[in-house]
Amino acid sequence: MALDGVVGSDLPMVLGVVTVAAIFIVLANLVVDILYGIVDPRVRHS
């Protein structure tokens, strides 16, 4: 989709794909950080 948007100069499509990808990456990092704290209690904040 992003490639089609770039080729077709469809800026809203490219911005939408980038925004969704960024949100997914941020949520994935949040989940990993939370799970890491549960799995390894040594990294918990006091």
PDB file of N, CA and C in Angstrom:
ATOM      1  N   MET A   1       0.819  -1.188   0.000  1.00  0.00           N
ATOM      2  CA  MET A   1       0.000   0.000   0.000  1.00  0.00           C
ATOM      3  C   MET A   1       0.862   1.251   0.000  1.00  0.00           C
ATOM      4  N   ALA A   2       1.883   1.250   0.857  1.00  0.00           N
ATOM      5  CA  ALA A   2       2.748   2.430   0.943  1.00  0.00           C
ATOM      6  C   ALA A   2       3.461   2.662  -0.386  1.00  0.00           C
ATOM      7  N   LEU A   3       3.919   1.601  -1.009  1.00  0.00           N
ATOM      8  CA  LEU A   3       4.607   1.736  -2.291  1.00  0.00           C
ATOM      9  C   LEU A   3       3.658   2.275  -3.360  1.00  0.00           C
ATOM     10  N   ASP A   4       2.431   1.775  -3.382  1.00  0.00           N
ATOM     11  CA  ASP A   4       1.448   2.294  -4.331  1.00  0.00           C
ATOM     12  C   ASP A   4       1.158   3.762  -4.063  1.00  0.00           C
ATOM     13  N   GLY A   5       1.130   4.156  -2.805  1.00  0.00           N
ATOM     14  CA  GLY A   5       0.895   5.549  -2.453  1.00  0.00           C
ATOM     15  C   GLY A   5       2.028   6.453  -2.890  1.00  0.00           C
ATOM     16  N   VAL A   6       3.259   5.968  -2.736  1.00  0.00           N
ATOM     17  CA  VAL A   6       4.420   6.762  -3.159  1.00  0.00           C
ATOM     18  C   VAL A   6       4.441   6.899  -4.671  1.00  0.00           C
ATOM     19  N   VAL A   7       4.216   5.788  -5.365  1.00  0.00           N
ATOM     20  CA  VAL A   7       4.236   5.817  -6.830  1.00  0.00           C
ATOM     21  C   VAL A   7       3.116   6.702  -7.360  1.00  0.00           C
ATOM     22  N   GLY A   8       1.948   6.643  -6.729  1.00  0.00           N
ATOM     23  CA  GLY A   8       0.817   7.421  -7.181  1.00  0.00           C
ATOM     24  C   GLY A   8       0.714   8.797  -6.550  1.00  0.00           C
ATOM     25  N   SER A   9       1.730   9.207  -5.799  1.00  0.00           N
ATOM     26  CA  SER A   9       1.744  10.512  -5.113  1.00  0.00           C
ATOM     27  C   SER A   9       0.513  10.706  -4.236  1.00  0.00           C
ATOM     28  N   ASP A  10       0.119   9.645  -3.534  1.00  0.00           N
ATOM     29  CA  ASP A  10      -1.047   9.691  -2.652  1.00  0.00           C
ATOM     30  C   ASP A  10      -0.556   9.917  -1.223  1.00  0.00           C
ATOM     31  N   LEU A  11      -0.352  11.187  -0.869  1.00  0.00           N
ATOM     32  CA  LEU A  11       0.230  11.534   0.423  1.00  0.00           C
ATOM     33  C   LEU A  11      -0.601  11.048   1.608  1.00  0.00           C
ATOM     34  N   PRO A  12      -1.931  11.190   1.612  1.00  0.00           N
ATOM     35  CA  PRO A  12      -2.694  10.675   2.760  1.00  0.00           C
ATOM     36  C   PRO A  12      -2.527   9.165   2.974  1.00  0.00           C
ATOM     37  N   MET A  13      -2.396   8.408   1.894  1.00  0.00           N
ATOM     38  CA  MET A  13      -2.180   6.964   2.018  1.00  0.00           C
ATOM     39  C   MET A  13      -0.835   6.682   2.679  1.00  0.00           C
ATOM     40  N   VAL A  14       0.203   7.372   2.236  1.00  0.00           N
ATOM     41  CA  VAL A  14       1.535   7.168   2.802  1.00  0.00           C
ATOM     42  C   VAL A  14       1.545   7.570   4.275  1.00  0.00           C
ATOM     43  N   LEU A  15       0.952   8.706   4.613  1.00  0.00           N
ATOM     44  CA  LEU A  15       0.901   9.147   6.007  1.00  0.00           C
ATOM     45  C   LEU A  15       0.116   8.162   6.867  1.00  0.00           C
ATOM     46  N   GLY A  16      -0.962   7.630   6.347  1.00  0.00           N
ATOM     47  CA  GLY A  16      -1.749   6.649   7.095  1.00  0.00           C
ATOM     48  C   GLY A  16      -0.971   5.381   7.369  1.00  0.00           C
ATOM     49  N   VAL A  17      -0.278   4.881   6.359  1.00  0.00           N
ATOM     50  CA  VAL A  17       0.499   3.650   6.531  1.00  0.00           C
ATOM     51  C   VAL A  17       1.629   3.876   7.532  1.00  0.00           C
ATOM     52  N   VAL A  18       2.324   5.006   7.436  1.00  0.00           N
ATOM     53  CA  VAL A  18       3.420   5.300   8.355  1.00  0.00           C
ATOM     54  C   VAL A  18       2.895   5.468   9.781  1.00  0.00           C
ATOM     55  N   THR A  19       1.759   6.131   9.936  1.00  0.00           N
ATOM     56  CA  THR A  19       1.184   6.332  11.262  1.00  0.00           C
ATOM     57  C   THR A  19       0.772   5.006  11.895  1.00  0.00           C
ATOM     58  N   VAL A  20       0.115   4.157  11.139  1.00  0.00           N
ATOM     59  CA  VAL A  20      -0.295   2.852  11.658  1.00  0.00           C
ATOM     60  C   VAL A  20       0.926   2.014  12.023  1.00  0.00           C
ATOM     61  N   ALA A  21       1.958   2.047  11.198  1.00  0.00           N
ATOM     62  CA  ALA A  21       3.176   1.293  11.490  1.00  0.00           C
ATOM     63  C   ALA A  21       3.841   1.811  12.763  1.00  0.00           C
ATOM     64  N   ALA A  22       3.890   3.122  12.920  1.00  0.00           N
ATOM     65  CA  ALA A  22       4.513   3.704  14.116  1.00  0.00           C
ATOM     66  C   ALA A  22       3.737   3.346  15.377  1.00  0.00           C
ATOM     67  N   ILE A  23       2.418   3.388  15.307  1.00  0.00           N
ATOM     68  CA  ILE A  23       1.587   3.017  16.462  1.00  0.00           C
ATOM     69  C   ILE A  23       1.808   1.544  16.818  1.00  0.00           C
ATOM     70  N   PHE A  24       1.886   0.700  15.802  1.00  0.00           N
ATOM     71  CA  PHE A  24       2.127  -0.723  16.044  1.00  0.00           C
ATOM     72  C   PHE A  24       3.474  -0.945  16.728  1.00  0.00           C
ATOM     73  N   ILE A  25       4.506  -0.241  16.278  1.00  0.00           N
ATOM     74  CA  ILE A  25       5.837  -0.405  16.858  1.00  0.00           C
ATOM     75  C   ILE A  25       5.855   0.065  18.310  1.00  0.00           C
ATOM     76  N   VAL A  26       5.212   1.199  18.587  1.00  0.00           N
ATOM     77  CA  VAL A  26       5.174   1.716  19.958  1.00  0.00           C
ATOM     78  C   VAL A  26       4.425   0.751  20.872  1.00  0.00           C
ATOM     79  N   LEU A  27       3.288   0.231  20.422  1.00  0.00           N
ATOM     80  CA  LEU A  27       2.527  -0.717  21.238  1.00  0.00           C
ATOM     81  C   LEU A  27       3.295  -2.022  21.452  1.00  0.00           C
ATOM     82  N   ALA A  28       3.985  -2.485  20.422  1.00  0.00           N
ATOM     83  CA  ALA A  28       4.780  -3.709  20.559  1.00  0.00           C
ATOM     84  C   ALA A  28       5.899  -3.511  21.576  1.00  0.00           C
ATOM     85  N   ASN A  29       6.560  -2.358  21.541  1.00  0.00           N
ATOM     86  CA  ASN A  29       7.612  -2.075  22.521  1.00  0.00           C
ATOM     87  C   ASN A  29       7.048  -1.994  23.927  1.00  0.00           C
ATOM     88  N   LEU A  30       5.878  -1.407  24.093  1.00  0.00           N
ATOM     89  CA  LEU A  30       5.248  -1.314  25.404  1.00  0.00           C
ATOM     90  C   LEU A  30       4.923  -2.698  25.953  1.00  0.00           C
ATOM     91  N   VAL A  31       4.364  -3.555  25.119  1.00  0.00           N
ATOM     92  CA  VAL A  31       4.022  -4.909  25.550  1.00  0.00           C
ATOM     93  C   VAL A  31       5.282  -5.685  25.935  1.00  0.00           C
ATOM     94  N   VAL A  32       6.333  -5.552  25.144  1.00  0.00           N
ATOM     95  CA  VAL A  32       7.576  -6.260  25.445  1.00  0.00           C
ATOM     96  C   VAL A  32       8.168  -5.765  26.759  1.00  0.00           C
ATOM     97  N   ASP A  33       8.151  -4.452  26.990  1.00  0.00           N
ATOM     98  CA  ASP A  33       8.678  -3.916  28.246  1.00  0.00           C
ATOM     99  C   ASP A  33       7.881  -4.418  29.446  1.00  0.00           C
ATOM    100  N   ILE A  34       6.577  -4.455  29.331  1.00  0.00           N
ATOM    101  CA  ILE A  34       5.736  -4.940  30.431  1.00  0.00           C
ATOM    102  C   ILE A  34       5.988  -6.424  30.678  1.00  0.00           C
ATOM    103  N   LEU A  35       6.028  -7.211  29.622  1.00  0.00           N
ATOM    104  CA  LEU A  35       6.274  -8.644  29.777  1.00  0.00           C
ATOM    105  C   LEU A  35       7.669  -8.924  30.321  1.00  0.00           C
ATOM    106  N   TYR A  36       8.635  -8.115  29.932  1.00  0.00           N
ATOM    107  CA  TYR A  36       9.995  -8.310  30.431  1.00  0.00           C
ATOM    108  C   TYR A  36      10.056  -8.072  31.935  1.00  0.00           C
ATOM    109  N   GLY A  37       9.312  -7.099  32.411  1.00  0.00           N
ATOM    110  CA  GLY A  37       9.252  -6.855  33.849  1.00  0.00           C
ATOM    111  C   GLY A  37       8.569  -7.976  34.602  1.00  0.00           C
ATOM    112  N   ILE A  38       7.609  -8.627  33.970  1.00  0.00           N
ATOM    113  CA  ILE A  38       6.912  -9.747  34.610  1.00  0.00           C
ATOM    114  C   ILE A  38       7.797 -10.991  34.623  1.00  0.00           C
ATOM    115  N   VAL A  39       8.476 -11.253  33.521  1.00  0.00           N
ATOM    116  CA  VAL A  39       9.293 -12.456  33.399  1.00  0.00           C
ATOM    117  C   VAL A  39      10.565 -12.368  34.244  1.00  0.00           C
ATOM    118  N   ASP A  40      11.192 -11.194  34.266  1.00  0.00           N
ATOM    119  CA  ASP A  40      12.452 -11.028  34.992  1.00  0.00           C
ATOM    120  C   ASP A  40      12.263  -9.986  36.092  1.00  0.00           C
ATOM    121  N   PRO A  41      11.983 -10.419  37.311  1.00  0.00           N
ATOM    122  CA  PRO A  41      11.675  -9.472  38.392  1.00  0.00           C
ATOM    123  C   PRO A  41      12.851  -8.578  38.779  1.00  0.00           C
ATOM    124  N   ARG A  42      14.065  -8.872  38.347  1.00  0.00           N
ATOM    125  CA  ARG A  42      15.220  -8.044  38.694  1.00  0.00           C
ATOM    126  C   ARG A  42      15.152  -6.665  38.038  1.00  0.00           C
ATOM    127  N   VAL A  43      14.388  -6.504  36.973  1.00  0.00           N
ATOM    128  CA  VAL A  43      14.342  -5.224  36.256  1.00  0.00           C
ATOM    129  C   VAL A  43      13.170  -4.347  36.680  1.00  0.00           C
ATOM    130  N   ARG A  44      12.421  -4.765  37.681  1.00  0.00           N
ATOM    131  CA  ARG A  44      11.282  -3.971  38.141  1.00  0.00           C
ATOM    132  C   ARG A  44      11.761  -2.693  38.802  1.00  0.00           C
ATOM    133  N   HIS A  45      10.982  -1.625  38.625  1.00  0.00           N
ATOM    134  CA  HIS A  45      11.294  -0.353  39.261  1.00  0.00           C
ATOM    135  C   HIS A  45      10.832  -0.388  40.711  1.00  0.00           C
ATOM    136  N   SER A  46      11.593   0.244  41.576  1.00  0.00           N
ATOM    137  CA  SER A  46      11.237   0.235  42.993  1.00  0.00           C
ATOM    138  C   SER A  46      10.400   1.440  43.371  1.00  0.00           C
TER     139      SER A  46
END
